[in-house]
């Protein structure tokens, strides 16, 4: 099963990488994710920081 998922992910990544607009959006999303991870790693209470990051992501997805 993981073989199929891995091939599907590879196919999707190739398709996304071929579109410049999508590639730019993916780069921006990766930078935002890296910033969130950096914030969680630097926090003293990692569980709370991770929860707040998850809440920000959910709010962003819902349009708030």
PDB file of N, CA and C in Angstrom:
ATOM      1  N   UNK A   1       0.819  -1.199   0.000  1.00  0.00           N
ATOM      2  CA  UNK A   1       0.000   0.000   0.000  1.00  0.00           C
ATOM      3  C   UNK A   1       0.862   1.261   0.000  1.00  0.00           C
ATOM      4  N   UNK A   2       1.930   1.242   0.802  1.00  0.00           N
ATOM      5  CA  UNK A   2       2.772   2.433   0.855  1.00  0.00           C
ATOM      6  C   UNK A   2       3.462   2.684  -0.484  1.00  0.00           C
ATOM      7  N   UNK A   3       3.698   1.609  -1.247  1.00  0.00           N
ATOM      8  CA  UNK A   3       4.296   1.766  -2.572  1.00  0.00           C
ATOM      9  C   UNK A   3       3.387   2.587  -3.476  1.00  0.00           C
ATOM     10  N   UNK A   4       2.097   2.306  -3.423  1.00  0.00           N
ATOM     11  CA  UNK A   4       1.128   3.036  -4.245  1.00  0.00           C
ATOM     12  C   UNK A   4       1.060   4.495  -3.804  1.00  0.00           C
ATOM     13  N   UNK A   5       1.009   4.722  -2.507  1.00  0.00           N
ATOM     14  CA  UNK A   5       0.958   6.092  -1.982  1.00  0.00           C
ATOM     15  C   UNK A   5       2.224   6.865  -2.330  1.00  0.00           C
ATOM     16  N   UNK A   6       3.364   6.201  -2.235  1.00  0.00           N
ATOM     17  CA  UNK A   6       4.628   6.858  -2.563  1.00  0.00           C
ATOM     18  C   UNK A   6       4.664   7.254  -4.037  1.00  0.00           C
ATOM     19  N   UNK A   7       4.213   6.350  -4.907  1.00  0.00           N
ATOM     20  CA  UNK A   7       4.187   6.671  -6.339  1.00  0.00           C
ATOM     21  C   UNK A   7       3.174   7.772  -6.646  1.00  0.00           C
ATOM     22  N   UNK A   8       2.051   7.753  -5.970  1.00  0.00           N
ATOM     23  CA  UNK A   8       1.050   8.801  -6.149  1.00  0.00           C
ATOM     24  C   UNK A   8       1.599  10.156  -5.711  1.00  0.00           C
ATOM     25  N   UNK A   9       2.282  10.188  -4.584  1.00  0.00           N
ATOM     26  CA  UNK A   9       2.882  11.434  -4.098  1.00  0.00           C
ATOM     27  C   UNK A   9       3.961  11.923  -5.061  1.00  0.00           C
ATOM     28  N   UNK A  10       4.753  11.010  -5.591  1.00  0.00           N
ATOM     29  CA  UNK A  10       5.795  11.397  -6.541  1.00  0.00           C
ATOM     30  C   UNK A  10       5.180  11.958  -7.819  1.00  0.00           C
ATOM     31  N   UNK A  11       4.122  11.340  -8.306  1.00  0.00           N
ATOM     32  CA  UNK A  11       3.432  11.809  -9.508  1.00  0.00           C
ATOM     33  C   UNK A  11       2.850  13.209  -9.276  1.00  0.00           C
ATOM     34  N   UNK A  12       2.212  13.405  -8.133  1.00  0.00           N
ATOM     35  CA  UNK A  12       1.625  14.706  -7.820  1.00  0.00           C
ATOM     36  C   UNK A  12       2.712  15.773  -7.698  1.00  0.00           C
ATOM     37  N   UNK A  13       3.832  15.435  -7.079  1.00  0.00           N
ATOM     38  CA  UNK A  13       4.924  16.398  -6.939  1.00  0.00           C
ATOM     39  C   UNK A  13       5.489  16.796  -8.304  1.00  0.00           C
ATOM     40  N   UNK A  14       5.610  15.846  -9.195  1.00  0.00           N
ATOM     41  CA  UNK A  14       6.104  16.162 -10.537  1.00  0.00           C
ATOM     42  C   UNK A  14       5.145  17.074 -11.272  1.00  0.00           C
ATOM     43  N   UNK A  15       3.857  16.801 -11.174  1.00  0.00           N
ATOM     44  CA  UNK A  15       2.854  17.630 -11.842  1.00  0.00           C
ATOM     45  C   UNK A  15       2.840  19.041 -11.256  1.00  0.00           C
ATOM     46  N   UNK A  16       2.918  19.145  -9.951  1.00  0.00           N
ATOM     47  CA  UNK A  16       2.916  20.456  -9.306  1.00  0.00           C
ATOM     48  C   UNK A  16       4.175  21.243  -9.635  1.00  0.00           C
ATOM     49  N   UNK A  17       5.294  20.561  -9.696  1.00  0.00           N
ATOM     50  CA  UNK A  17       6.564  21.244  -9.954  1.00  0.00           C
ATOM     51  C   UNK A  17       6.640  21.782 -11.381  1.00  0.00           C
ATOM     52  N   UNK A  18       5.842  21.247 -12.277  1.00  0.00           N
ATOM     53  CA  UNK A  18       5.900  21.703 -13.665  1.00  0.00           C
ATOM     54  C   UNK A  18       5.110  22.993 -13.886  1.00  0.00           C
ATOM     55  N   UNK A  19       4.266  23.388 -12.940  1.00  0.00           N
ATOM     56  CA  UNK A  19       3.470  24.603 -13.056  1.00  0.00           C
ATOM     57  C   UNK A  19       4.120  25.715 -12.218  1.00  0.00           C
ATOM     58  N   UNK A  20       4.593  26.804 -12.853  1.00  0.00           N
ATOM     59  CA  UNK A  20       5.303  27.844 -12.105  1.00  0.00           C
ATOM     60  C   UNK A  20       4.467  28.522 -11.018  1.00  0.00           C
ATOM     61  N   UNK A  21       3.188  28.743 -11.264  1.00  0.00           N
ATOM     62  CA  UNK A  21       2.351  29.395 -10.253  1.00  0.00           C
ATOM     63  C   UNK A  21       2.164  28.508  -9.038  1.00  0.00           C
ATOM     64  N   UNK A  22       1.932  27.240  -9.276  1.00  0.00           N
ATOM     65  CA  UNK A  22       1.756  26.297  -8.168  1.00  0.00           C
ATOM     66  C   UNK A  22       3.070  26.124  -7.422  1.00  0.00           C
ATOM     67  N   UNK A  23       4.171  26.113  -8.162  1.00  0.00           N
ATOM     68  CA  UNK A  23       5.490  25.974  -7.540  1.00  0.00           C
ATOM     69  C   UNK A  23       5.758  27.151  -6.605  1.00  0.00           C
ATOM     70  N   UNK A  24       5.377  28.352  -7.025  1.00  0.00           N
ATOM     71  CA  UNK A  24       5.562  29.535  -6.181  1.00  0.00           C
ATOM     72  C   UNK A  24       4.709  29.450  -4.914  1.00  0.00           C
ATOM     73  N   UNK A  25       3.467  29.020  -5.063  1.00  0.00           N
ATOM     74  CA  UNK A  25       2.583  28.874  -3.902  1.00  0.00           C
ATOM     75  C   UNK A  25       3.106  27.805  -2.951  1.00  0.00           C
ATOM     76  N   UNK A  26       3.632  26.715  -3.492  1.00  0.00           N
ATOM     77  CA  UNK A  26       4.177  25.651  -2.650  1.00  0.00           C
ATOM     78  C   UNK A  26       5.419  26.136  -1.906  1.00  0.00           C
ATOM     79  N   UNK A  27       6.225  26.952  -2.560  1.00  0.00           N
ATOM     80  CA  UNK A  27       7.413  27.508  -1.911  1.00  0.00           C
ATOM     81  C   UNK A  27       7.011  28.405  -0.758  1.00  0.00           C
ATOM     82  N   UNK A  28       5.999  29.246  -0.984  1.00  0.00           N
ATOM     83  CA  UNK A  28       5.526  30.128   0.085  1.00  0.00           C
ATOM     84  C   UNK A  28       4.974  29.313   1.257  1.00  0.00           C
ATOM     85  N   UNK A  29       4.220  28.252   0.954  1.00  0.00           N
ATOM     86  CA  UNK A  29       3.671  27.402   2.009  1.00  0.00           C
ATOM     87  C   UNK A  29       4.784  26.707   2.792  1.00  0.00           C
ATOM     88  N   UNK A  30       5.839  26.299   2.097  1.00  0.00           N
ATOM     89  CA  UNK A  30       6.959  25.645   2.774  1.00  0.00           C
ATOM     90  C   UNK A  30       7.674  26.626   3.697  1.00  0.00           C
ATOM     91  N   UNK A  31       7.790  27.878   3.277  1.00  0.00           N
ATOM     92  CA  UNK A  31       8.421  28.882   4.142  1.00  0.00           C
ATOM     93  C   UNK A  31       7.584  29.136   5.388  1.00  0.00           C
ATOM     94  N   UNK A  32       6.286  29.208   5.222  1.00  0.00           N
ATOM     95  CA  UNK A  32       5.393  29.412   6.376  1.00  0.00           C
ATOM     96  C   UNK A  32       5.494  28.222   7.327  1.00  0.00           C
ATOM     97  N   UNK A  33       5.508  27.011   6.768  1.00  0.00           N
ATOM     98  CA  UNK A  33       5.620  25.816   7.608  1.00  0.00           C
ATOM     99  C   UNK A  33       6.950  25.800   8.348  1.00  0.00           C
ATOM    100  N   UNK A  34       8.018  26.201   7.681  1.00  0.00           N
ATOM    101  CA  UNK A  34       9.330  26.238   8.335  1.00  0.00           C
ATOM    102  C   UNK A  34       9.340  27.250   9.469  1.00  0.00           C
ATOM    103  N   UNK A  35       8.677  28.385   9.273  1.00  0.00           N
ATOM    104  CA  UNK A  35       8.588  29.386  10.337  1.00  0.00           C
ATOM    105  C   UNK A  35       7.831  28.830  11.537  1.00  0.00           C
ATOM    106  N   UNK A  36       6.758  28.107  11.285  1.00  0.00           N
ATOM    107  CA  UNK A  36       5.979  27.505  12.373  1.00  0.00           C
ATOM    108  C   UNK A  36       6.823  26.477  13.133  1.00  0.00           C
ATOM    109  N   UNK A  37       7.554  25.656  12.389  1.00  0.00           N
ATOM    110  CA  UNK A  37       8.392  24.640  13.033  1.00  0.00           C
ATOM    111  C   UNK A  37       9.483  25.303  13.873  1.00  0.00           C
ATOM    112  N   UNK A  38      10.057  26.369  13.346  1.00  0.00           N
ATOM    113  CA  UNK A  38      11.089  27.102  14.082  1.00  0.00           C
ATOM    114  C   UNK A  38      10.522  27.664  15.383  1.00  0.00           C
ATOM    115  N   UNK A  39       9.296  28.165  15.313  1.00  0.00           N
ATOM    116  CA  UNK A  39       8.659  28.711  16.509  1.00  0.00           C
ATOM    117  C   UNK A  39       8.376  27.616  17.531  1.00  0.00           C
ATOM    118  N   UNK A  40       7.902  26.465  17.067  1.00  0.00           N
ATOM    119  CA  UNK A  40       7.611  25.350  17.972  1.00  0.00           C
ATOM    120  C   UNK A  40       8.896  24.850  18.617  1.00  0.00           C
ATOM    121  N   UNK A  41       9.955  24.714  17.822  1.00  0.00           N
ATOM    122  CA  UNK A  41      11.222  24.199  18.345  1.00  0.00           C
ATOM    123  C   UNK A  41      11.826  25.140  19.379  1.00  0.00           C
ATOM    124  N   UNK A  42      11.634  26.434  19.203  1.00  0.00           N
ATOM    125  CA  UNK A  42      12.211  27.395  20.135  1.00  0.00           C
ATOM    126  C   UNK A  42      11.376  27.630  21.372  1.00  0.00           C
ATOM    127  N   UNK A  43      10.176  27.105  21.386  1.00  0.00           N
ATOM    128  CA  UNK A  43       9.278  27.332  22.508  1.00  0.00           C
ATOM    129  C   UNK A  43       9.633  26.434  23.688  1.00  0.00           C
ATOM    130  N   UNK A  44       9.362  26.947  24.875  1.00  0.00           N
ATOM    131  CA  UNK A  44       9.603  26.141  26.066  1.00  0.00           C
ATOM    132  C   UNK A  44       8.508  25.080  26.232  1.00  0.00           C
ATOM    133  N   UNK A  45       7.265  25.444  25.922  1.00  0.00           N
ATOM    134  CA  UNK A  45       6.142  24.510  25.989  1.00  0.00           C
ATOM    135  C   UNK A  45       5.779  24.114  24.557  1.00  0.00           C
ATOM    136  N   UNK A  46       6.401  23.047  24.082  1.00  0.00           N
ATOM    137  CA  UNK A  46       6.262  22.656  22.678  1.00  0.00           C
ATOM    138  C   UNK A  46       4.848  22.200  22.321  1.00  0.00           C
ATOM    139  N   UNK A  47       4.179  21.546  23.241  1.00  0.00           N
ATOM    140  CA  UNK A  47       2.828  21.082  22.974  1.00  0.00           C
ATOM    141  C   UNK A  47       1.878  22.261  22.780  1.00  0.00           C
ATOM    142  N   UNK A  48       2.020  23.265  23.610  1.00  0.00           N
ATOM    143  CA  UNK A  48       1.165  24.456  23.487  1.00  0.00           C
ATOM    144  C   UNK A  48       1.458  25.194  22.193  1.00  0.00           C
ATOM    145  N   UNK A  49       2.723  25.324  21.843  1.00  0.00           N
ATOM    146  CA  UNK A  49       3.100  26.005  20.607  1.00  0.00           C
ATOM    147  C   UNK A  49       2.582  25.241  19.388  1.00  0.00           C
ATOM    148  N   UNK A  50       2.645  23.925  19.438  1.00  0.00           N
ATOM    149  CA  UNK A  50       2.142  23.114  18.325  1.00  0.00           C
ATOM    150  C   UNK A  50       0.629  23.246  18.209  1.00  0.00           C
ATOM    151  N   UNK A  51      -0.054  23.288  19.322  1.00  0.00           N
ATOM    152  CA  UNK A  51      -1.503  23.463  19.307  1.00  0.00           C
ATOM    153  C   UNK A  51      -1.905  24.814  18.744  1.00  0.00           C
ATOM    154  N   UNK A  52      -1.169  25.844  19.114  1.00  0.00           N
ATOM    155  CA  UNK A  52      -1.467  27.185  18.593  1.00  0.00           C
ATOM    156  C   UNK A  52      -1.207  27.253  17.094  1.00  0.00           C
ATOM    157  N   UNK A  53      -0.137  26.589  16.633  1.00  0.00           N
ATOM    158  CA  UNK A  53       0.169  26.567  15.199  1.00  0.00           C
ATOM    159  C   UNK A  53      -0.928  25.821  14.441  1.00  0.00           C
ATOM    160  N   UNK A  54      -1.402  24.725  15.022  1.00  0.00           N
ATOM    161  CA  UNK A  54      -2.480  23.971  14.382  1.00  0.00           C
ATOM    162  C   UNK A  54      -3.759  24.808  14.324  1.00  0.00           C
ATOM    163  N   UNK A  55      -4.051  25.546  15.388  1.00  0.00           N
ATOM    164  CA  UNK A  55      -5.236  26.399  15.414  1.00  0.00           C
ATOM    165  C   UNK A  55      -5.132  27.502  14.359  1.00  0.00           C
ATOM    166  N   UNK A  56      -3.942  28.108  14.219  1.00  0.00           N
ATOM    167  CA  UNK A  56      -3.746  29.135  13.183  1.00  0.00           C
ATOM    168  C   UNK A  56      -3.978  28.549  11.795  1.00  0.00           C
ATOM    169  N   UNK A  57      -3.486  27.338  11.569  1.00  0.00           N
ATOM    170  CA  UNK A  57      -3.661  26.691  10.260  1.00  0.00           C
ATOM    171  C   UNK A  57      -5.135  26.405  10.000  1.00  0.00           C
ATOM    172  N   UNK A  58      -5.843  25.912  11.004  1.00  0.00           N
ATOM    173  CA  UNK A  58      -7.270  25.625  10.836  1.00  0.00           C
ATOM    174  C   UNK A  58      -8.072  26.901  10.587  1.00  0.00           C
ATOM    175  N   UNK A  59      -7.732  27.967  11.318  1.00  0.00           N
ATOM    176  CA  UNK A  59      -8.425  29.234  11.099  1.00  0.00           C
ATOM    177  C   UNK A  59      -8.167  29.772   9.709  1.00  0.00           C
ATOM    178  N   UNK A  60      -6.956  29.607   9.234  1.00  0.00           N
ATOM    179  CA  UNK A  60      -6.613  30.079   7.901  1.00  0.00           C
ATOM    180  C   UNK A  60      -7.379  29.288   6.833  1.00  0.00           C
ATOM    181  N   UNK A  61      -7.522  27.996   7.042  1.00  0.00           N
ATOM    182  CA  UNK A  61      -8.243  27.152   6.092  1.00  0.00           C
ATOM    183  C   UNK A  61      -9.739  27.484   6.079  1.00  0.00           C
ATOM    184  N   UNK A  62     -10.289  27.833   7.229  1.00  0.00           N
ATOM    185  CA  UNK A  62     -11.715  28.118   7.311  1.00  0.00           C
ATOM    186  C   UNK A  62     -12.031  29.544   6.885  1.00  0.00           C
ATOM    187  N   UNK A  63     -11.001  30.372   6.707  1.00  0.00           N
ATOM    188  CA  UNK A  63     -11.210  31.709   6.219  1.00  0.00           C
ATOM    189  C   UNK A  63     -11.358  32.760   7.294  1.00  0.00           C
ATOM    190  N   UNK A  64     -11.031  32.441   8.519  1.00  0.00           N
ATOM    191  CA  UNK A  64     -11.126  33.422   9.619  1.00  0.00           C
ATOM    192  C   UNK A  64      -9.885  34.255   9.687  1.00  0.00           C
TER     193      UNK A  64
END
